Amino acid sequence: MFTQLLQYNDIGLLLLRIAIAIIFLYHSLPKLSKSKAMSAMMGMPAGMIFMLGMIEAVASLGLVFGVYTQLSALILAIVMVGAIGMKIMKLGVPFAAMDKIGWEFDFILFFASVAILLGGGGSIGF
């Protein structure tokens, strides 16, 4: 139906990579700058929180610049499996609820990362 748009496939993948990277970078900043506070909130050691923030930041930059794109996507997908697992098992958070923060956002980030992992990041990058 929209076959003429297929010529912009690489631009679409770049936009997806950038969007995911912005979200992960945004969420990595508190882990890097406020590790102790995040540690208390998440119930994990501060060093682990800082390392998680570094992993998210580096993998995000990989997505933005198209360097090791699929590896970066794999790493971020694994991070999201951990986040979803923590929300379900440790916090008892439902998928979605009107009165609580669910894990539906994490679900989308996981599958967007898997889509890049399986489909590649396109030809735009270094």
PDB file of N, CA and C in Angstrom:
ATOM      1  N   MET A   1       0.818  -1.193   0.000  1.00  0.00           N
ATOM      2  CA  MET A   1       0.000   0.000   0.000  1.00  0.00           C
ATOM      3  C   MET A   1       0.867   1.265   0.000  1.00  0.00           C
ATOM      4  N   PHE A   2       1.865   1.300   0.865  1.00  0.00           N
ATOM      5  CA  PHE A   2       2.766   2.445   0.933  1.00  0.00           C
ATOM      6  C   PHE A   2       4.176   2.032   0.531  1.00  0.00           C
ATOM      7  N   THR A   3       4.291   1.285  -0.538  1.00  0.00           N
ATOM      8  CA  THR A   3       5.594   0.743  -0.938  1.00  0.00           C
ATOM      9  C   THR A   3       6.611   1.831  -1.237  1.00  0.00           C
ATOM     10  N   GLN A   4       6.155   3.008  -1.649  1.00  0.00           N
ATOM     11  CA  GLN A   4       7.094   4.093  -1.935  1.00  0.00           C
ATOM     12  C   GLN A   4       7.818   4.560  -0.672  1.00  0.00           C
ATOM     13  N   LEU A   5       7.240   4.297   0.484  1.00  0.00           N
ATOM     14  CA  LEU A   5       7.882   4.698   1.737  1.00  0.00           C
ATOM     15  C   LEU A   5       9.010   3.761   2.147  1.00  0.00           C
ATOM     16  N   LEU A   6       9.076   2.584   1.540  1.00  0.00           N
ATOM     17  CA  LEU A   6      10.128   1.624   1.893  1.00  0.00           C
ATOM     18  C   LEU A   6      11.525   2.166   1.615  1.00  0.00           C
ATOM     19  N   GLN A   7      11.618   3.142   0.726  1.00  0.00           N
ATOM     20  CA  GLN A   7      12.925   3.738   0.458  1.00  0.00           C
ATOM     21  C   GLN A   7      13.463   4.512   1.667  1.00  0.00           C
ATOM     22  N   TYR A   8      12.599   4.788   2.623  1.00  0.00           N
ATOM     23  CA  TYR A   8      12.993   5.512   3.830  1.00  0.00           C
ATOM     24  C   TYR A   8      13.162   4.586   5.036  1.00  0.00           C
ATOM     25  N   ASN A   9      13.299   3.309   4.794  1.00  0.00           N
ATOM     26  CA  ASN A   9      13.437   2.316   5.854  1.00  0.00           C
ATOM     27  C   ASN A   9      14.587   2.647   6.804  1.00  0.00           C
ATOM     28  N   ASP A  10      15.733   3.023   6.252  1.00  0.00           N
ATOM     29  CA  ASP A  10      16.887   3.328   7.100  1.00  0.00           C
ATOM     30  C   ASP A  10      16.653   4.563   7.965  1.00  0.00           C
ATOM     31  N   ILE A  11      15.922   5.534   7.437  1.00  0.00           N
ATOM     32  CA  ILE A  11      15.602   6.726   8.229  1.00  0.00           C
ATOM     33  C   ILE A  11      14.655   6.352   9.370  1.00  0.00           C
ATOM     34  N   GLY A  12      13.688   5.494   9.084  1.00  0.00           N
ATOM     35  CA  GLY A  12      12.772   5.025  10.127  1.00  0.00           C
ATOM     36  C   GLY A  12      13.503   4.294  11.238  1.00  0.00           C
ATOM     37  N   LEU A  13      14.451   3.438  10.851  1.00  0.00           N
ATOM     38  CA  LEU A  13      15.234   2.719  11.860  1.00  0.00           C
ATOM     39  C   LEU A  13      16.100   3.674  12.670  1.00  0.00           C
ATOM     40  N   LEU A  14      16.669   4.671  12.010  1.00  0.00           N
ATOM     41  CA  LEU A  14      17.466   5.670  12.728  1.00  0.00           C
ATOM     42  C   LEU A  14      16.599   6.414  13.742  1.00  0.00           C
ATOM     43  N   LEU A  15      15.394   6.811  13.332  1.00  0.00           N
ATOM     44  CA  LEU A  15      14.498   7.520  14.252  1.00  0.00           C
ATOM     45  C   LEU A  15      14.119   6.643  15.441  1.00  0.00           C
ATOM     46  N   LEU A  16      13.878   5.363  15.192  1.00  0.00           N
ATOM     47  CA  LEU A  16      13.578   4.434  16.287  1.00  0.00           C
ATOM     48  C   LEU A  16      14.769   4.307  17.226  1.00  0.00           C
ATOM     49  N   ARG A  17      15.960   4.176  16.652  1.00  0.00           N
ATOM     50  CA  ARG A  17      17.171   4.073  17.478  1.00  0.00           C
ATOM     51  C   ARG A  17      17.348   5.312  18.341  1.00  0.00           C
ATOM     52  N   ILE A  18      17.155   6.481  17.750  1.00  0.00           N
ATOM     53  CA  ILE A  18      17.333   7.735  18.488  1.00  0.00           C
ATOM     54  C   ILE A  18      16.290   7.850  19.600  1.00  0.00           C
ATOM     55  N   ALA A  19      15.039   7.517  19.299  1.00  0.00           N
ATOM     56  CA  ALA A  19      13.978   7.615  20.307  1.00  0.00           C
ATOM     57  C   ALA A  19      14.262   6.706  21.495  1.00  0.00           C
ATOM     58  N   ILE A  20      14.639   5.470  21.214  1.00  0.00           N
ATOM     59  CA  ILE A  20      14.948   4.533  22.300  1.00  0.00           C
ATOM     60  C   ILE A  20      16.150   5.028  23.091  1.00  0.00           C
ATOM     61  N   ALA A  21      17.163   5.517  22.386  1.00  0.00           N
ATOM     62  CA  ALA A  21      18.372   5.994  23.058  1.00  0.00           C
ATOM     63  C   ALA A  21      18.071   7.178  23.972  1.00  0.00           C
ATOM     64  N   ILE A  22      17.229   8.092  23.522  1.00  0.00           N
ATOM     65  CA  ILE A  22      16.878   9.251  24.352  1.00  0.00           C
ATOM     66  C   ILE A  22      16.216   8.790  25.647  1.00  0.00           C
ATOM     67  N   ILE A  23      15.300   7.844  25.537  1.00  0.00           N
ATOM     68  CA  ILE A  23      14.604   7.342  26.729  1.00  0.00           C
ATOM     69  C   ILE A  23      15.584   6.678  27.693  1.00  0.00           C
ATOM     70  N   PHE A  24      16.454   5.805  27.162  1.00  0.00           N
ATOM     71  CA  PHE A  24      17.403   5.114  28.036  1.00  0.00           C
ATOM     72  C   PHE A  24      18.432   6.080  28.620  1.00  0.00           C
ATOM     73  N   LEU A  25      18.895   7.051  27.829  1.00  0.00           N
ATOM     74  CA  LEU A  25      19.841   8.039  28.365  1.00  0.00           C
ATOM     75  C   LEU A  25      19.193   8.846  29.487  1.00  0.00           C
ATOM     76  N   TYR A  26      17.957   9.259  29.268  1.00  0.00           N
ATOM     77  CA  TYR A  26      17.239  10.031  30.279  1.00  0.00           C
ATOM     78  C   TYR A  26      17.128   9.247  31.588  1.00  0.00           C
ATOM     79  N   HIS A  27      16.831   7.964  31.472  1.00  0.00           N
ATOM     80  CA  HIS A  27      16.672   7.143  32.670  1.00  0.00           C
ATOM     81  C   HIS A  27      18.007   6.693  33.262  1.00  0.00           C
ATOM     82  N   SER A  28      19.090   6.828  32.515  1.00  0.00           N
ATOM     83  CA  SER A  28      20.405   6.463  33.062  1.00  0.00           C
ATOM     84  C   SER A  28      20.996   7.593  33.906  1.00  0.00           C
ATOM     85  N   LEU A  29      20.611   8.821  33.634  1.00  0.00           N
ATOM     86  CA  LEU A  29      21.210   9.965  34.330  1.00  0.00           C
ATOM     87  C   LEU A  29      21.028   9.920  35.845  1.00  0.00           C
ATOM     88  N   PRO A  30      19.824   9.651  36.370  1.00  0.00           N
ATOM     89  CA  PRO A  30      19.707   9.560  37.834  1.00  0.00           C
ATOM     90  C   PRO A  30      20.520   8.407  38.416  1.00  0.00           C
ATOM     91  N   LYS A  31      20.664   7.337  37.658  1.00  0.00           N
ATOM     92  CA  LYS A  31      21.453   6.199  38.144  1.00  0.00           C
ATOM     93  C   LYS A  31      22.923   6.576  38.256  1.00  0.00           C
ATOM     94  N   LEU A  32      23.372   7.470  37.395  1.00  0.00           N
ATOM     95  CA  LEU A  32      24.770   7.903  37.414  1.00  0.00           C
ATOM     96  C   LEU A  32      25.009   9.018  38.429  1.00  0.00           C
ATOM     97  N   SER A  33      24.071   9.943  38.550  1.00  0.00           N
ATOM     98  CA  SER A  33      24.291  11.104  39.415  1.00  0.00           C
ATOM     99  C   SER A  33      23.750  10.928  40.835  1.00  0.00           C
ATOM    100  N   LYS A  34      22.795  10.034  41.021  1.00  0.00           N
ATOM    101  CA  LYS A  34      22.178   9.842  42.341  1.00  0.00           C
ATOM    102  C   LYS A  34      22.083   8.356  42.664  1.00  0.00           C
ATOM    103  N   SER A  35      23.209   7.671  42.541  1.00  0.00           N
ATOM    104  CA  SER A  35      23.233   6.211  42.721  1.00  0.00           C
ATOM    105  C   SER A  35      22.720   5.777  44.092  1.00  0.00           C
ATOM    106  N   LYS A  36      23.106   6.517  45.133  1.00  0.00           N
ATOM    107  CA  LYS A  36      22.698   6.116  46.492  1.00  0.00           C
ATOM    108  C   LYS A  36      21.193   6.252  46.686  1.00  0.00           C
ATOM    109  N   ALA A  37      20.623   7.336  46.213  1.00  0.00           N
ATOM    110  CA  ALA A  37      19.175   7.527  46.335  1.00  0.00           C
ATOM    111  C   ALA A  37      18.424   6.479  45.517  1.00  0.00           C
ATOM    112  N   MET A  38      18.916   6.212  44.315  1.00  0.00           N
ATOM    113  CA  MET A  38      18.296   5.187  43.471  1.00  0.00           C
ATOM    114  C   MET A  38      18.446   3.814  44.109  1.00  0.00           C
ATOM    115  N   SER A  39      19.569   3.605  44.787  1.00  0.00           N
ATOM    116  CA  SER A  39      19.823   2.333  45.458  1.00  0.00           C
ATOM    117  C   SER A  39      18.772   2.064  46.522  1.00  0.00           C
ATOM    118  N   ALA A  40      18.476   3.078  47.318  1.00  0.00           N
ATOM    119  CA  ALA A  40      17.471   2.930  48.367  1.00  0.00           C
ATOM    120  C   ALA A  40      16.092   2.683  47.765  1.00  0.00           C
ATOM    121  N   MET A  41      15.804   3.368  46.670  1.00  0.00           N
ATOM    122  CA  MET A  41      14.500   3.235  46.034  1.00  0.00           C
ATOM    123  C   MET A  41      14.322   1.864  45.370  1.00  0.00           C
ATOM    124  N   MET A  42      15.392   1.367  44.744  1.00  0.00           N
ATOM    125  CA  MET A  42      15.294   0.120  43.982  1.00  0.00           C
ATOM    126  C   MET A  42      15.697  -1.110  44.791  1.00  0.00           C
ATOM    127  N   GLY A  43      16.307  -0.891  45.947  1.00  0.00           N
ATOM    128  CA  GLY A  43      16.722  -2.017  46.774  1.00  0.00           C
ATOM    129  C   GLY A  43      17.887  -2.794  46.196  1.00  0.00           C
ATOM    130  N   MET A  44      18.792  -2.091  45.539  1.00  0.00           N
ATOM    131  CA  MET A  44      19.987  -2.702  44.949  1.00  0.00           C
ATOM    132  C   MET A  44      21.208  -1.926  45.424  1.00  0.00           C
ATOM    133  N   PRO A  45      22.392  -2.532  45.426  1.00  0.00           N
ATOM    134  CA  PRO A  45      23.601  -1.810  45.832  1.00  0.00           C
ATOM    135  C   PRO A  45      23.875  -0.615  44.912  1.00  0.00           C
ATOM    136  N   ALA A  46      24.406   0.457  45.503  1.00  0.00           N
ATOM    137  CA  ALA A  46      24.668   1.682  44.747  1.00  0.00           C
ATOM    138  C   ALA A  46      25.629   1.434  43.587  1.00  0.00           C
ATOM    139  N   GLY A  47      26.631   0.597  43.803  1.00  0.00           N
ATOM    140  CA  GLY A  47      27.575   0.286  42.726  1.00  0.00           C
ATOM    141  C   GLY A  47      26.900  -0.387  41.549  1.00  0.00           C
ATOM    142  N   MET A  48      25.948  -1.245  41.837  1.00  0.00           N
ATOM    143  CA  MET A  48      25.215  -1.927  40.774  1.00  0.00           C
ATOM    144  C   MET A  48      24.326  -0.938  40.013  1.00  0.00           C
ATOM    145  N   ILE A  49      23.732  -0.006  40.746  1.00  0.00           N
ATOM    146  CA  ILE A  49      22.900   1.023  40.117  1.00  0.00           C
ATOM    147  C   ILE A  49      23.755   1.880  39.192  1.00  0.00           C
ATOM    148  N   PHE A  50      24.936   2.282  39.667  1.00  0.00           N
ATOM    149  CA  PHE A  50      25.831   3.095  38.848  1.00  0.00           C
ATOM    150  C   PHE A  50      26.246   2.324  37.594  1.00  0.00           C
ATOM    151  N   MET A  51      26.592   1.057  37.754  1.00  0.00           N
ATOM    152  CA  MET A  51      27.000   0.246  36.610  1.00  0.00           C
ATOM    153  C   MET A  51      25.846   0.090  35.618  1.00  0.00           C
ATOM    154  N   LEU A  52      24.647  -0.091  36.119  1.00  0.00           N
ATOM    155  CA  LEU A  52      23.476  -0.189  35.255  1.00  0.00           C
ATOM    156  C   LEU A  52      23.292   1.104  34.462  1.00  0.00           C
ATOM    157  N   GLY A  53      23.488   2.231  35.124  1.00  0.00           N
ATOM    158  CA  GLY A  53      23.408   3.518  34.437  1.00  0.00           C
ATOM    159  C   GLY A  53      24.458   3.654  33.352  1.00  0.00           C
ATOM    160  N   MET A  54      25.675   3.202  33.640  1.00  0.00           N
ATOM    161  CA  MET A  54      26.747   3.242  32.634  1.00  0.00           C
ATOM    162  C   MET A  54      26.411   2.346  31.444  1.00  0.00           C
ATOM    163  N   ILE A  55      25.924   1.162  31.726  1.00  0.00           N
ATOM    164  CA  ILE A  55      25.562   0.223  30.661  1.00  0.00           C
ATOM    165  C   ILE A  55      24.464   0.821  29.787  1.00  0.00           C
ATOM    166  N   GLU A  56      23.449   1.392  30.408  1.00  0.00           N
ATOM    167  CA  GLU A  56      22.361   2.013  29.650  1.00  0.00           C
ATOM    168  C   GLU A  56      22.871   3.173  28.802  1.00  0.00           C
ATOM    169  N   ALA A  57      23.740   4.004  29.375  1.00  0.00           N
ATOM    170  CA  ALA A  57      24.258   5.160  28.652  1.00  0.00           C
ATOM    171  C   ALA A  57      25.119   4.737  27.463  1.00  0.00           C
ATOM    172  N   VAL A  58      26.025   3.808  27.673  1.00  0.00           N
ATOM    173  CA  VAL A  58      26.921   3.369  26.592  1.00  0.00           C
ATOM    174  C   VAL A  58      26.129   2.673  25.487  1.00  0.00           C
ATOM    175  N   ALA A  59      25.201   1.805  25.858  1.00  0.00           N
ATOM    176  CA  ALA A  59      24.386   1.117  24.849  1.00  0.00           C
ATOM    177  C   ALA A  59      23.516   2.118  24.087  1.00  0.00           C
ATOM    178  N   SER A  60      23.029   3.142  24.765  1.00  0.00           N
ATOM    179  CA  SER A  60      22.236   4.180  24.104  1.00  0.00           C
ATOM    180  C   SER A  60      23.067   4.927  23.075  1.00  0.00           C
ATOM    181  N   LEU A  61      24.290   5.257  23.441  1.00  0.00           N
ATOM    182  CA  LEU A  61      25.172   5.936  22.487  1.00  0.00           C
ATOM    183  C   LEU A  61      25.476   5.034  21.298  1.00  0.00           C
ATOM    184  N   GLY A  62      25.596   3.737  21.549  1.00  0.00           N
ATOM    185  CA  GLY A  62      25.777   2.792  20.451  1.00  0.00           C
ATOM    186  C   GLY A  62      24.612   2.840  19.479  1.00  0.00           C
ATOM    187  N   LEU A  63      23.396   2.952  20.003  1.00  0.00           N
ATOM    188  CA  LEU A  63      22.224   3.056  19.134  1.00  0.00           C
ATOM    189  C   LEU A  63      22.231   4.355  18.344  1.00  0.00           C
ATOM    190  N   VAL A  64      22.519   5.463  19.001  1.00  0.00           N
ATOM    191  CA  VAL A  64      22.496   6.762  18.333  1.00  0.00           C
ATOM    192  C   VAL A  64      23.500   6.812  17.188  1.00  0.00           C
ATOM    193  N   PHE A  65      24.711   6.357  17.451  1.00  0.00           N
ATOM    194  CA  PHE A  65      25.770   6.470  16.455  1.00  0.00           C
ATOM    195  C   PHE A  65      25.853   5.267  15.525  1.00  0.00           C
ATOM    196  N   GLY A  66      25.051   4.258  15.762  1.00  0.00           N
ATOM    197  CA  GLY A  66      25.051   3.091  14.889  1.00  0.00           C
ATOM    198  C   GLY A  66      26.296   2.243  15.031  1.00  0.00           C
ATOM    199  N   VAL A  67      26.889   2.249  16.221  1.00  0.00           N
ATOM    200  CA  VAL A  67      28.087   1.459  16.500  1.00  0.00           C
ATOM    201  C   VAL A  67      27.661   0.263  17.348  1.00  0.00           C
ATOM    202  N   TYR A  68      27.931  -0.938  16.852  1.00  0.00           N
ATOM    203  CA  TYR A  68      27.491  -2.155  17.545  1.00  0.00           C
ATOM    204  C   TYR A  68      26.002  -2.063  17.881  1.00  0.00           C
ATOM    205  N   THR A  69      25.222  -1.688  16.878  1.00  0.00           N
ATOM    206  CA  THR A  69      23.797  -1.431  17.080  1.00  0.00           C
ATOM    207  C   THR A  69      23.058  -2.641  17.640  1.00  0.00           C
ATOM    208  N   GLN A  70      23.270  -3.802  17.042  1.00  0.00           N
ATOM    209  CA  GLN A  70      22.537  -4.980  17.508  1.00  0.00           C
ATOM    210  C   GLN A  70      22.989  -5.410  18.900  1.00  0.00           C
ATOM    211  N   LEU A  71      24.273  -5.296  19.187  1.00  0.00           N
ATOM    212  CA  LEU A  71      24.761  -5.604  20.532  1.00  0.00           C
ATOM    213  C   LEU A  71      24.158  -4.630  21.543  1.00  0.00           C
ATOM    214  N   SER A  72      24.113  -3.352  21.187  1.00  0.00           N
ATOM    215  CA  SER A  72      23.504  -2.350  22.067  1.00  0.00           C
ATOM    216  C   SER A  72      22.039  -2.672  22.320  1.00  0.00           C
ATOM    217  N   ALA A  73      21.332  -3.059  21.264  1.00  0.00           N
ATOM    218  CA  ALA A  73      19.916  -3.410  21.409  1.00  0.00           C
ATOM    219  C   ALA A  73      19.745  -4.643  22.294  1.00  0.00           C
ATOM    220  N   LEU A  74      20.632  -5.618  22.145  1.00  0.00           N
ATOM    221  CA  LEU A  74      20.578  -6.815  22.993  1.00  0.00           C
ATOM    222  C   LEU A  74      20.772  -6.447  24.459  1.00  0.00           C
ATOM    223  N   ILE A  75      21.752  -5.606  24.718  1.00  0.00           N
ATOM    224  CA  ILE A  75      22.029  -5.180  26.093  1.00  0.00           C
ATOM    225  C   ILE A  75      20.815  -4.470  26.691  1.00  0.00           C
ATOM    226  N   LEU A  76      20.216  -3.570  25.922  1.00  0.00           N
ATOM    227  CA  LEU A  76      19.057  -2.832  26.430  1.00  0.00           C
ATOM    228  C   LEU A  76      17.846  -3.745  26.604  1.00  0.00           C
ATOM    229  N   ALA A  77      17.697  -4.739  25.744  1.00  0.00           N
ATOM    230  CA  ALA A  77      16.610  -5.710  25.913  1.00  0.00           C
ATOM    231  C   ALA A  77      16.798  -6.495  27.207  1.00  0.00           C
ATOM    232  N   ILE A  78      18.032  -6.876  27.493  1.00  0.00           N
ATOM    233  CA  ILE A  78      18.322  -7.602  28.735  1.00  0.00           C
ATOM    234  C   ILE A  78      18.031  -6.718  29.951  1.00  0.00           C
ATOM    235  N   VAL A  79      18.397  -5.447  29.859  1.00  0.00           N
ATOM    236  CA  VAL A  79      18.095  -4.503  30.943  1.00  0.00           C
ATOM    237  C   VAL A  79      16.584  -4.451  31.179  1.00  0.00           C
ATOM    238  N   MET A  80      15.814  -4.441  30.091  1.00  0.00           N
ATOM    239  CA  MET A  80      14.368  -4.363  30.240  1.00  0.00           C
ATOM    240  C   MET A  80      13.773  -5.655  30.796  1.00  0.00           C
ATOM    241  N   VAL A  81      14.362  -6.798  30.472  1.00  0.00           N
ATOM    242  CA  VAL A  81      13.908  -8.053  31.082  1.00  0.00           C
ATOM    243  C   VAL A  81      14.097  -7.963  32.599  1.00  0.00           C
ATOM    244  N   GLY A  82      15.236  -7.422  33.024  1.00  0.00           N
ATOM    245  CA  GLY A  82      15.485  -7.238  34.451  1.00  0.00           C
ATOM    246  C   GLY A  82      14.501  -6.275  35.085  1.00  0.00           C
ATOM    247  N   ALA A  83      14.214  -5.178  34.389  1.00  0.00           N
ATOM    248  CA  ALA A  83      13.275  -4.185  34.925  1.00  0.00           C
ATOM    249  C   ALA A  83      11.870  -4.766  35.044  1.00  0.00           C
ATOM    250  N   ILE A  84      11.445  -5.480  34.012  1.00  0.00           N
ATOM    251  CA  ILE A  84      10.115  -6.095  34.041  1.00  0.00           C
ATOM    252  C   ILE A  84      10.052  -7.156  35.134  1.00  0.00           C
ATOM    253  N   GLY A  85      11.091  -7.966  35.214  1.00  0.00           N
ATOM    254  CA  GLY A  85      11.136  -8.999  36.250  1.00  0.00           C
ATOM    255  C   GLY A  85      11.069  -8.415  37.646  1.00  0.00           C
ATOM    256  N   MET A  86      11.797  -7.320  37.869  1.00  0.00           N
ATOM    257  CA  MET A  86      11.780  -6.680  39.182  1.00  0.00           C
ATOM    258  C   MET A  86      10.386  -6.139  39.495  1.00  0.00           C
ATOM    259  N   LYS A  87       9.767  -5.512  38.512  1.00  0.00           N
ATOM    260  CA  LYS A  87       8.440  -4.946  38.753  1.00  0.00           C
ATOM    261  C   LYS A  87       7.403  -6.028  39.042  1.00  0.00           C
ATOM    262  N   ILE A  88       7.512  -7.154  38.344  1.00  0.00           N
ATOM    263  CA  ILE A  88       6.534  -8.223  38.544  1.00  0.00           C
ATOM    264  C   ILE A  88       6.812  -8.976  39.839  1.00  0.00           C
ATOM    265  N   MET A  89       8.044  -9.456  40.002  1.00  0.00           N
ATOM    266  CA  MET A  89       8.349 -10.362  41.115  1.00  0.00           C
ATOM    267  C   MET A  89       8.588  -9.655  42.441  1.00  0.00           C
ATOM    268  N   LYS A  90       9.325  -8.556  42.409  1.00  0.00           N
ATOM    269  CA  LYS A  90       9.684  -7.894  43.663  1.00  0.00           C
ATOM    270  C   LYS A  90       8.625  -6.889  44.101  1.00  0.00           C
ATOM    271  N   LEU A  91       8.093  -6.152  43.137  1.00  0.00           N
ATOM    272  CA  LEU A  91       7.169  -5.079  43.484  1.00  0.00           C
ATOM    273  C   LEU A  91       5.705  -5.453  43.284  1.00  0.00           C
ATOM    274  N   GLY A  92       5.450  -6.548  42.561  1.00  0.00           N
ATOM    275  CA  GLY A  92       4.074  -6.972  42.323  1.00  0.00           C
ATOM    276  C   GLY A  92       3.266  -6.008  41.478  1.00  0.00           C
ATOM    277  N   VAL A  93       3.926  -5.345  40.550  1.00  0.00           N
ATOM    278  CA  VAL A  93       3.277  -4.340  39.710  1.00  0.00           C
ATOM    279  C   VAL A  93       2.517  -5.035  38.576  1.00  0.00           C
ATOM    280  N   PRO A  94       1.267  -4.623  38.318  1.00  0.00           N
ATOM    281  CA  PRO A  94       0.528  -5.209  37.200  1.00  0.00           C
ATOM    282  C   PRO A  94       1.009  -4.636  35.865  1.00  0.00           C
ATOM    283  N   PHE A  95       0.594  -5.272  34.771  1.00  0.00           N
ATOM    284  CA  PHE A  95       0.964  -4.789  33.437  1.00  0.00           C
ATOM    285  C   PHE A  95       0.536  -3.340  33.264  1.00  0.00           C
ATOM    286  N   ALA A  96      -0.714  -3.059  33.559  1.00  0.00           N
ATOM    287  CA  ALA A  96      -1.233  -1.693  33.480  1.00  0.00           C
ATOM    288  C   ALA A  96      -2.369  -1.564  34.489  1.00  0.00           C
ATOM    289  N   ALA A  97      -2.481  -0.403  35.085  1.00  0.00           N
ATOM    290  CA  ALA A  97      -3.561  -0.140  36.031  1.00  0.00           C
ATOM    291  C   ALA A  97      -3.822   1.356  36.056  1.00  0.00           C
ATOM    292  N   MET A  98      -5.026   1.715  36.370  1.00  0.00           N
ATOM    293  CA  MET A  98      -5.386   3.133  36.402  1.00  0.00           C
ATOM    294  C   MET A  98      -4.737   3.861  37.576  1.00  0.00           C
ATOM    295  N   ASP A  99      -4.521   3.172  38.677  1.00  0.00           N
ATOM    296  CA  ASP A  99      -4.026   3.821  39.882  1.00  0.00           C
ATOM    297  C   ASP A  99      -2.563   3.534  40.187  1.00  0.00           C
ATOM    298  N   LYS A 100      -1.872   2.776  39.319  1.00  0.00           N
ATOM    299  CA  LYS A 100      -0.474   2.425  39.550  1.00  0.00           C
ATOM    300  C   LYS A 100       0.322   2.557  38.261  1.00  0.00           C
ATOM    301  N   ILE A 101       1.619   2.671  38.431  1.00  0.00           N
ATOM    302  CA  ILE A 101       2.504   2.632  37.270  1.00  0.00           C
ATOM    303  C   ILE A 101       2.742   1.167  36.941  1.00  0.00           C
ATOM    304  N   GLY A 102       2.390   0.782  35.745  1.00  0.00           N
ATOM    305  CA  GLY A 102       2.573  -0.604  35.325  1.00  0.00           C
ATOM    306  C   GLY A 102       3.913  -0.811  34.644  1.00  0.00           C
ATOM    307  N   TRP A 103       4.021  -1.924  33.957  1.00  0.00           N
ATOM    308  CA  TRP A 103       5.256  -2.199  33.228  1.00  0.00           C
ATOM    309  C   TRP A 103       5.019  -2.235  31.722  1.00  0.00           C
ATOM    310  N   GLU A 104       3.937  -1.604  31.259  1.00  0.00           N
ATOM    311  CA  GLU A 104       3.656  -1.569  29.826  1.00  0.00           C
ATOM    312  C   GLU A 104       4.698  -0.759  29.057  1.00  0.00           C
ATOM    313  N   PHE A 105       5.228   0.300  29.667  1.00  0.00           N
ATOM    314  CA  PHE A 105       6.269   1.105  29.023  1.00  0.00           C
ATOM    315  C   PHE A 105       7.546   0.281  28.866  1.00  0.00           C
ATOM    316  N   ASP A 106       7.890  -0.469  29.888  1.00  0.00           N
ATOM    317  CA  ASP A 106       9.050  -1.358  29.833  1.00  0.00           C
ATOM    318  C   ASP A 106       8.868  -2.413  28.738  1.00  0.00           C
ATOM    319  N   PHE A 107       7.645  -2.889  28.605  1.00  0.00           N
ATOM    320  CA  PHE A 107       7.285  -3.890  27.600  1.00  0.00           C
ATOM    321  C   PHE A 107       7.563  -3.356  26.189  1.00  0.00           C
ATOM    322  N   ILE A 108       7.147  -2.126  25.936  1.00  0.00           N
ATOM    323  CA  ILE A 108       7.382  -1.516  24.622  1.00  0.00           C
ATOM    324  C   ILE A 108       8.875  -1.315  24.385  1.00  0.00           C
ATOM    325  N   LEU A 109       9.601  -0.838  25.386  1.00  0.00           N
ATOM    326  CA  LEU A 109      11.046  -0.655  25.226  1.00  0.00           C
ATOM    327  C   LEU A 109      11.749  -1.983  24.968  1.00  0.00           C
ATOM    328  N   PHE A 110      11.304  -3.041  25.631  1.00  0.00           N
ATOM    329  CA  PHE A 110      11.879  -4.363  25.397  1.00  0.00           C
ATOM    330  C   PHE A 110      11.684  -4.770  23.942  1.00  0.00           C
ATOM    331  N   PHE A 111      10.460  -4.682  23.440  1.00  0.00           N
ATOM    332  CA  PHE A 111      10.202  -5.145  22.081  1.00  0.00           C
ATOM    333  C   PHE A 111      10.778  -4.216  21.018  1.00  0.00           C
ATOM    334  N   ALA A 112      10.901  -2.932  21.291  1.00  0.00           N
ATOM    335  CA  ALA A 112      11.583  -2.038  20.352  1.00  0.00           C
ATOM    336  C   ALA A 112      13.061  -2.417  20.263  1.00  0.00           C
ATOM    337  N   SER A 113      13.660  -2.748  21.395  1.00  0.00           N
ATOM    338  CA  SER A 113      15.059  -3.197  21.404  1.00  0.00           C
ATOM    339  C   SER A 113      15.205  -4.520  20.659  1.00  0.00           C
ATOM    340  N   VAL A 114      14.266  -5.433  20.866  1.00  0.00           N
ATOM    341  CA  VAL A 114      14.306  -6.722  20.168  1.00  0.00           C
ATOM    342  C   VAL A 114      14.125  -6.523  18.661  1.00  0.00           C
ATOM    343  N   ALA A 115      13.275  -5.585  18.269  1.00  0.00           N
ATOM    344  CA  ALA A 115      13.082  -5.308  16.844  1.00  0.00           C
ATOM    345  C   ALA A 115      14.385  -4.849  16.196  1.00  0.00           C
ATOM    346  N   ILE A 116      15.126  -3.994  16.872  1.00  0.00           N
ATOM    347  CA  ILE A 116      16.419  -3.547  16.342  1.00  0.00           C
ATOM    348  C   ILE A 116      17.421  -4.694  16.366  1.00  0.00           C
ATOM    349  N   LEU A 117      17.395  -5.479  17.416  1.00  0.00           N
ATOM    350  CA  LEU A 117      18.285  -6.640  17.505  1.00  0.00           C
ATOM    351  C   LEU A 117      18.059  -7.584  16.326  1.00  0.00           C
ATOM    352  N   LEU A 118      16.821  -7.904  16.036  1.00  0.00           N
ATOM    353  CA  LEU A 118      16.510  -8.870  14.984  1.00  0.00           C
ATOM    354  C   LEU A 118      16.585  -8.277  13.582  1.00  0.00           C
ATOM    355  N   GLY A 119      16.178  -7.014  13.441  1.00  0.00           N
ATOM    356  CA  GLY A 119      16.125  -6.396  12.117  1.00  0.00           C
ATOM    357  C   GLY A 119      17.343  -5.589  11.743  1.00  0.00           C
ATOM    358  N   GLY A 120      18.198  -5.331  12.705  1.00  0.00           N
ATOM    359  CA  GLY A 120      19.353  -4.483  12.441  1.00  0.00           C
ATOM    360  C   GLY A 120      18.977  -3.020  12.582  1.00  0.00           C
ATOM    361  N   GLY A 121      19.974  -2.189  12.584  1.00  0.00           N
ATOM    362  CA  GLY A 121      19.753  -0.768  12.804  1.00  0.00           C
ATOM    363  C   GLY A 121      19.689   0.064  11.544  1.00  0.00           C
ATOM    364  N   GLY A 122      19.754  -0.574  10.386  1.00  0.00           N
ATOM    365  CA  GLY A 122      19.765   0.174   9.134  1.00  0.00           C
ATOM    366  C   GLY A 122      21.179   0.552   8.746  1.00  0.00           C
ATOM    367  N   SER A 123      21.280   1.253   7.638  1.00  0.00           N
ATOM    368  CA  SER A 123      22.610   1.563   7.102  1.00  0.00           C
ATOM    369  C   SER A 123      23.156   2.910   7.560  1.00  0.00           C
ATOM    370  N   ILE A 124      22.369   3.686   8.291  1.00  0.00           N
ATOM    371  CA  ILE A 124      22.834   5.000   8.741  1.00  0.00           C
ATOM    372  C   ILE A 124      23.553   4.840  10.072  1.00  0.00           C
ATOM    373  N   GLY A 125      24.813   5.153  10.087  1.00  0.00           N
ATOM    374  CA  GLY A 125      25.622   5.038  11.302  1.00  0.00           C
ATOM    375  C   GLY A 125      27.086   4.960  10.939  1.00  0.00           C
ATOM    376  N   PHE A 126      27.910   4.815  11.944  1.00  0.00           N
ATOM    377  CA  PHE A 126      29.353   4.769  11.717  1.00  0.00           C
ATOM    378  C   PHE A 126      29.842   3.354  11.577  1.00  0.00           C
TER     379      PHE A 126
END
